N, C-alpha and C. Protein backbone atom coordinates (compact mmCIF):
# COMPACT_ATOMS: atom_id res chain seq x y z
N MET A 1 116.82 126.11 25.37
CA MET A 1 115.59 125.41 25.13
C MET A 1 115.09 125.80 23.74
N LYS A 2 114.59 124.82 22.98
CA LYS A 2 114.07 125.09 21.64
C LYS A 2 112.71 125.76 21.72
N CYS A 3 112.41 126.55 20.69
CA CYS A 3 111.14 127.24 20.60
C CYS A 3 110.00 126.22 20.53
N THR A 4 108.96 126.48 21.30
CA THR A 4 107.81 125.56 21.32
C THR A 4 106.90 125.76 20.13
N SER A 5 107.11 126.82 19.36
CA SER A 5 106.27 127.09 18.20
C SER A 5 106.95 126.64 16.90
N CYS A 6 108.08 127.26 16.55
CA CYS A 6 108.73 126.92 15.27
C CYS A 6 109.66 125.73 15.39
N LYS A 7 110.07 125.39 16.59
CA LYS A 7 110.95 124.26 16.88
C LYS A 7 112.33 124.37 16.22
N GLN A 8 112.68 125.60 15.81
CA GLN A 8 113.97 125.83 15.16
C GLN A 8 114.92 126.67 16.02
N GLY A 9 114.41 127.76 16.56
CA GLY A 9 115.25 128.69 17.31
C GLY A 9 115.36 128.32 18.78
N ARG A 10 116.20 129.09 19.47
CA ARG A 10 116.36 128.93 20.90
C ARG A 10 115.57 130.02 21.61
N LEU A 11 114.98 129.68 22.75
CA LEU A 11 114.26 130.65 23.57
C LEU A 11 115.25 131.32 24.50
N LEU A 12 115.42 132.63 24.31
CA LEU A 12 116.39 133.40 25.06
C LEU A 12 115.67 134.33 26.03
N PRO A 13 116.19 134.52 27.25
CA PRO A 13 115.55 135.40 28.22
C PRO A 13 115.36 136.81 27.67
N SER A 14 114.19 137.38 27.96
CA SER A 14 113.87 138.73 27.49
C SER A 14 112.81 139.34 28.40
N LEU A 15 112.41 140.57 28.09
CA LEU A 15 111.32 141.25 28.81
C LEU A 15 110.29 141.69 27.78
N LEU A 16 109.01 141.46 28.06
CA LEU A 16 107.94 141.95 27.21
C LEU A 16 107.51 143.31 27.71
N GLU A 17 107.32 144.24 26.78
CA GLU A 17 106.92 145.61 27.13
C GLU A 17 107.90 146.20 28.14
N GLY A 18 109.10 145.63 28.24
CA GLY A 18 110.07 146.10 29.21
C GLY A 18 109.63 145.89 30.64
N GLU A 19 108.64 145.03 30.84
CA GLU A 19 108.00 144.90 32.15
C GLU A 19 108.08 143.52 32.79
N PHE A 20 107.82 142.45 32.02
CA PHE A 20 107.85 141.16 32.70
C PHE A 20 108.62 140.11 31.90
N ARG A 21 109.11 139.14 32.67
CA ARG A 21 110.00 138.12 32.12
C ARG A 21 109.31 137.28 31.05
N ALA A 22 110.07 136.97 30.02
CA ALA A 22 109.60 136.11 28.95
C ALA A 22 110.83 135.46 28.32
N HIS A 23 110.61 134.69 27.29
CA HIS A 23 111.69 134.16 26.47
C HIS A 23 111.30 134.43 25.02
N THR A 24 112.26 134.89 24.22
CA THR A 24 111.99 135.22 22.82
C THR A 24 112.79 134.29 21.93
N CYS A 25 112.12 133.79 20.88
CA CYS A 25 112.76 132.85 19.97
C CYS A 25 113.76 133.57 19.06
N SER A 26 114.93 132.97 18.91
CA SER A 26 115.97 133.54 18.06
C SER A 26 115.65 133.35 16.58
N ASN A 27 114.65 132.53 16.26
CA ASN A 27 114.31 132.27 14.87
C ASN A 27 113.03 132.99 14.44
N CYS A 28 111.92 132.74 15.12
CA CYS A 28 110.62 133.30 14.70
C CYS A 28 110.22 134.55 15.48
N SER A 29 111.01 134.92 16.49
CA SER A 29 110.74 136.09 17.34
C SER A 29 109.47 135.96 18.17
N GLY A 30 108.94 134.74 18.29
CA GLY A 30 107.79 134.50 19.15
C GLY A 30 108.19 134.62 20.61
N HIS A 31 107.20 134.80 21.47
CA HIS A 31 107.46 134.96 22.90
C HIS A 31 106.84 133.81 23.67
N TRP A 32 107.54 133.35 24.69
CA TRP A 32 107.07 132.28 25.56
C TRP A 32 107.11 132.82 26.97
N ILE A 33 105.99 132.75 27.67
CA ILE A 33 105.96 133.21 29.06
C ILE A 33 105.37 132.12 29.94
N LEU A 34 105.82 132.11 31.17
CA LEU A 34 105.24 131.22 32.16
C LEU A 34 104.10 131.97 32.82
N ILE A 35 102.97 131.33 32.97
CA ILE A 35 101.83 131.99 33.58
C ILE A 35 102.16 132.45 34.99
N GLU A 36 103.00 131.70 35.69
CA GLU A 36 103.39 132.08 37.05
C GLU A 36 104.14 133.42 37.06
N ASP A 37 104.98 133.64 36.05
CA ASP A 37 105.71 134.91 35.95
C ASP A 37 104.74 136.05 35.70
N TYR A 38 103.76 135.84 34.81
CA TYR A 38 102.80 136.89 34.52
C TYR A 38 101.94 137.20 35.75
N VAL A 39 101.45 136.18 36.43
CA VAL A 39 100.58 136.39 37.59
C VAL A 39 101.32 137.15 38.68
N SER A 40 102.55 136.76 38.99
CA SER A 40 103.29 137.46 40.04
C SER A 40 103.61 138.89 39.63
N TRP A 41 103.92 139.12 38.34
CA TRP A 41 104.17 140.48 37.86
C TRP A 41 102.89 141.31 37.98
N LYS A 42 101.75 140.74 37.56
CA LYS A 42 100.49 141.48 37.58
C LYS A 42 100.08 141.84 39.01
N GLU A 43 100.36 140.98 39.97
CA GLU A 43 100.07 141.29 41.37
C GLU A 43 100.87 142.50 41.85
N ARG A 44 102.08 142.65 41.35
CA ARG A 44 102.93 143.79 41.74
C ARG A 44 102.64 145.04 40.91
N ASN A 45 101.96 144.90 39.78
CA ASN A 45 101.72 146.01 38.85
C ASN A 45 100.25 146.09 38.46
N GLN A 46 99.37 146.15 39.42
CA GLN A 46 97.94 146.10 39.16
C GLN A 46 97.44 147.26 38.31
N GLN A 47 98.09 148.41 38.36
CA GLN A 47 97.62 149.58 37.62
C GLN A 47 98.11 149.61 36.17
N TYR A 48 99.07 148.75 35.82
CA TYR A 48 99.63 148.77 34.47
C TYR A 48 98.60 148.26 33.47
N SER A 49 98.50 148.94 32.34
CA SER A 49 97.63 148.45 31.27
C SER A 49 98.42 148.44 29.97
N PHE A 50 98.18 147.42 29.18
CA PHE A 50 98.88 147.27 27.91
C PHE A 50 98.26 148.17 26.86
N LYS A 51 99.01 148.45 25.83
CA LYS A 51 98.51 149.26 24.72
C LYS A 51 97.27 148.60 24.13
N GLU A 52 96.33 149.42 23.72
CA GLU A 52 95.10 148.89 23.12
C GLU A 52 95.29 148.67 21.63
N ASN A 53 94.41 147.87 21.05
CA ASN A 53 94.38 147.61 19.60
C ASN A 53 95.65 146.95 19.08
N ILE A 54 96.25 146.11 19.88
CA ILE A 54 97.41 145.34 19.44
C ILE A 54 96.95 143.91 19.21
N HIS A 55 97.35 143.35 18.10
CA HIS A 55 96.97 141.98 17.77
C HIS A 55 97.98 141.02 18.40
N TYR A 56 97.47 140.13 19.22
CA TYR A 56 98.30 139.09 19.83
C TYR A 56 97.83 137.74 19.33
N GLU A 57 98.75 136.95 18.87
CA GLU A 57 98.43 135.60 18.45
C GLU A 57 98.86 134.67 19.57
N LEU A 58 97.91 133.98 20.17
CA LEU A 58 98.19 133.12 21.31
C LEU A 58 98.14 131.67 20.88
N ASP A 59 99.04 130.90 21.42
CA ASP A 59 99.10 129.48 21.10
C ASP A 59 99.61 128.74 22.32
N ASP A 60 98.80 127.86 22.88
CA ASP A 60 99.24 127.02 23.98
C ASP A 60 100.12 125.92 23.42
N THR A 61 101.30 125.78 23.96
CA THR A 61 102.23 124.76 23.48
C THR A 61 102.75 123.94 24.65
N LYS A 62 103.34 122.82 24.32
CA LYS A 62 103.96 121.98 25.33
C LYS A 62 105.44 122.26 25.36
N LEU A 63 106.04 122.14 26.54
CA LEU A 63 107.45 122.37 26.73
C LEU A 63 108.25 121.31 25.98
N ILE A 64 109.25 121.77 25.21
CA ILE A 64 110.14 120.86 24.48
C ILE A 64 111.55 121.14 24.95
N ASN A 65 112.25 120.13 25.39
CA ASN A 65 113.64 120.32 25.84
C ASN A 65 114.61 120.15 24.72
């Protein structure tokens, strides 16, 4: 699947923070996650907290095949 942000690279399966499923772009290194994956992971890992003071750039995109 092509990256929904740069539209150049391929989204490859990966893990964010070594904890939950995502896809990482082979071109821009951006991350794409399904909200369903995050919600189910968070339900199983309620005590986990992410590092503080990290800048995240969020962008809602549409799925491109």
